[in-house]
Amino acid sequence: MLHPDIELSDRRELPREQVIRLYRECGWSSAEKPDRLLAALANSDTIISAWQADDLIGLGNAISDGALVVYYPHLLVRPAFQKQGVGQQIVAALQERYADFHQQILLSVNEAVKFYQKQGFEIPQSVVPMWIYRGSEE
């Protein structure tokens, strides 16, 4: 259950400066590519954001083929609001929209694996994640 003064929204219009601040505070390299970041979010099938009054404190998004597969590329919660259920509620809202899909997929940093396992995600035994990454893995 979220703190009573935190609300989730599926609105697609997000304030540019608040989005960039969120990504910077969370250490995401995409904050250094703000135009591309905002274009990526605009092209998402779903965006769930978390707000305290008019302050963006968290965000998750989904891209999908619309029938079988959904991929959750971003989940961010400002550090001051982490470990308060905000990320869990964003993931739950996303999963609810895609509950009947054949695959729900994400990539997790090592530190977040246990968090995602609590949300029902499993480490696959028969597939290997692969990528071409043009960011920084620091």
Protein backbone atom coordinates (compact mmCIF):
# COMPACT_ATOMS: atom_id res chain seq x y z
CA MET A 1 0.00 0.00 0.00
CA LEU A 2 1.36 3.38 -0.99
CA HIS A 3 1.75 6.22 1.40
CA PRO A 4 -1.52 8.21 1.25
CA ASP A 5 0.10 11.28 -0.33
CA ILE A 6 1.65 9.26 -3.20
CA GLU A 7 -0.48 8.59 -6.27
CA LEU A 8 0.06 6.54 -9.39
CA SER A 9 -0.88 7.85 -12.82
CA ASP A 10 -0.91 6.55 -16.38
CA ARG A 11 -0.78 10.00 -17.91
CA ARG A 12 1.65 10.23 -20.78
CA GLU A 13 2.58 13.90 -20.49
CA LEU A 14 5.53 14.11 -18.13
CA PRO A 15 7.46 17.27 -17.25
CA ARG A 16 10.80 17.13 -19.07
CA GLU A 17 12.92 18.52 -16.23
CA GLN A 18 11.38 16.18 -13.65
CA VAL A 19 11.96 13.15 -15.86
CA ILE A 20 15.60 14.09 -16.39
CA ARG A 21 16.05 14.74 -12.65
CA LEU A 22 14.57 11.33 -11.81
CA TYR A 23 16.91 9.53 -14.21
CA ARG A 24 19.93 11.50 -12.98
CA GLU A 25 19.13 10.88 -9.31
CA CYS A 26 18.86 7.17 -10.07
CA GLY A 27 22.17 7.17 -11.96
CA TRP A 28 20.76 6.19 -15.36
CA SER A 29 22.99 7.10 -18.32
CA SER A 30 19.94 7.87 -20.48
CA ALA A 31 19.62 11.15 -18.53
CA GLU A 32 22.54 12.33 -20.64
CA LYS A 33 20.44 11.79 -23.79
CA PRO A 34 17.31 13.70 -22.75
CA ASP A 35 15.74 14.07 -26.20
CA ARG A 36 16.12 10.36 -26.90
CA LEU A 37 14.92 9.47 -23.40
CA LEU A 38 11.76 11.52 -23.78
CA ALA A 39 11.17 10.09 -27.27
CA ALA A 40 11.56 6.57 -25.86
CA LEU A 41 9.03 7.25 -23.14
CA ALA A 42 6.63 8.84 -25.63
CA ASN A 43 6.86 5.68 -27.76
CA SER A 44 6.12 3.38 -24.82
CA ASP A 45 2.87 1.45 -24.81
CA THR A 46 2.34 2.20 -21.14
CA ILE A 47 3.87 4.57 -18.60
CA ILE A 48 3.03 4.39 -14.92
CA SER A 49 4.36 7.29 -12.87
CA ALA A 50 4.34 7.94 -9.14
CA TRP A 51 3.70 11.42 -7.76
CA GLN A 52 3.85 13.19 -4.45
CA ALA A 53 1.73 16.27 -5.12
CA ASP A 54 3.24 17.65 -8.36
CA ASP A 55 6.62 15.96 -7.81
CA LEU A 56 7.57 12.97 -10.00
CA ILE A 57 9.09 10.36 -7.67
CA GLY A 58 8.95 7.20 -9.77
CA LEU A 59 8.28 5.79 -13.20
CA GLY A 60 7.99 2.48 -15.02
CA ASN A 61 7.21 1.78 -18.64
CA ALA A 62 6.31 -1.05 -21.00
CA ILE A 63 6.82 -1.76 -24.67
CA SER A 64 4.87 -4.56 -26.28
CA ASP A 65 3.75 -6.33 -29.42
CA GLY A 66 0.21 -5.87 -28.11
CA ALA A 67 -0.64 -9.57 -27.93
CA LEU A 68 2.00 -11.93 -26.56
CA VAL A 69 5.10 -10.18 -25.23
CA VAL A 70 5.70 -7.17 -23.03
CA TYR A 71 9.08 -5.81 -21.99
CA TYR A 72 9.55 -3.53 -18.98
CA PRO A 73 12.67 -1.48 -19.77
CA HIS A 74 12.56 1.15 -17.01
CA LEU A 75 11.69 1.20 -13.33
CA LEU A 76 13.03 4.12 -11.33
CA VAL A 77 12.19 5.49 -7.90
CA ARG A 78 13.95 8.52 -6.48
CA PRO A 79 16.38 7.36 -3.79
CA ALA A 80 14.55 9.23 -1.01
CA PHE A 81 11.40 7.20 -1.78
CA GLN A 82 12.92 3.75 -2.27
CA LYS A 83 11.96 0.85 -0.01
CA GLN A 84 8.53 2.38 0.62
CA GLY A 85 6.51 0.25 -1.83
CA VAL A 86 6.53 2.74 -4.71
CA GLY A 87 8.42 0.48 -7.13
CA GLN A 88 6.33 -2.51 -6.11
CA GLN A 89 3.11 -0.61 -6.86
CA ILE A 90 4.40 0.60 -10.24
CA VAL A 91 5.34 -2.98 -11.22
CA ALA A 92 1.96 -4.26 -10.01
CA ALA A 93 0.13 -1.65 -12.11
CA LEU A 94 2.15 -2.62 -15.18
CA GLN A 95 1.66 -6.35 -14.60
CA GLU A 96 -2.07 -5.87 -14.19
CA ARG A 97 -2.30 -4.40 -17.71
CA TYR A 98 -0.40 -7.31 -19.24
CA ALA A 99 -1.59 -10.15 -16.99
CA ASP A 100 -2.79 -12.34 -19.88
CA PHE A 101 0.36 -11.98 -21.97
CA HIS A 102 2.48 -15.04 -22.78
CA GLN A 103 5.74 -13.36 -21.66
CA GLN A 104 6.56 -10.47 -19.36
CA ILE A 105 10.26 -9.70 -19.66
CA LEU A 106 12.81 -7.40 -18.06
CA LEU A 107 16.52 -7.06 -17.46
CA SER A 108 17.57 -6.55 -13.86
CA VAL A 109 20.75 -5.21 -12.33
CA ASN A 110 22.17 -7.66 -9.80
CA GLU A 111 21.09 -5.52 -6.84
CA ALA A 112 17.42 -5.63 -7.92
CA VAL A 113 17.04 -9.35 -8.68
CA LYS A 114 15.47 -10.18 -5.30
CA PHE A 115 13.05 -7.24 -5.66
CA TYR A 116 11.83 -8.55 -9.02
CA GLN A 117 11.61 -12.12 -7.75
CA LYS A 118 9.22 -10.86 -5.06
CA GLN A 119 7.10 -9.45 -7.91
CA GLY A 120 6.88 -12.92 -9.52
CA PHE A 121 9.74 -12.75 -12.03
CA GLU A 122 12.01 -15.78 -12.34
CA ILE A 123 15.53 -16.29 -13.59
CA PRO A 124 15.14 -18.47 -16.70
CA GLN A 125 17.13 -21.67 -16.93
CA SER A 126 16.80 -22.28 -20.67
CA VAL A 127 17.53 -18.84 -22.14
CA VAL A 128 20.41 -16.39 -21.90
CA PRO A 129 19.87 -12.62 -21.97
CA MET A 130 21.91 -10.95 -24.69
CA TRP A 131 22.30 -7.34 -25.76
CA ILE A 132 24.20 -4.65 -27.56
CA TYR A 133 24.53 -1.82 -25.06
CA ARG A 134 25.64 1.68 -25.92
CA GLY A 135 25.68 3.05 -22.38
CA SER A 136 27.90 2.72 -19.37
CA GLU A 137 27.84 -0.24 -17.01
CA GLU A 138 29.62 1.59 -14.21
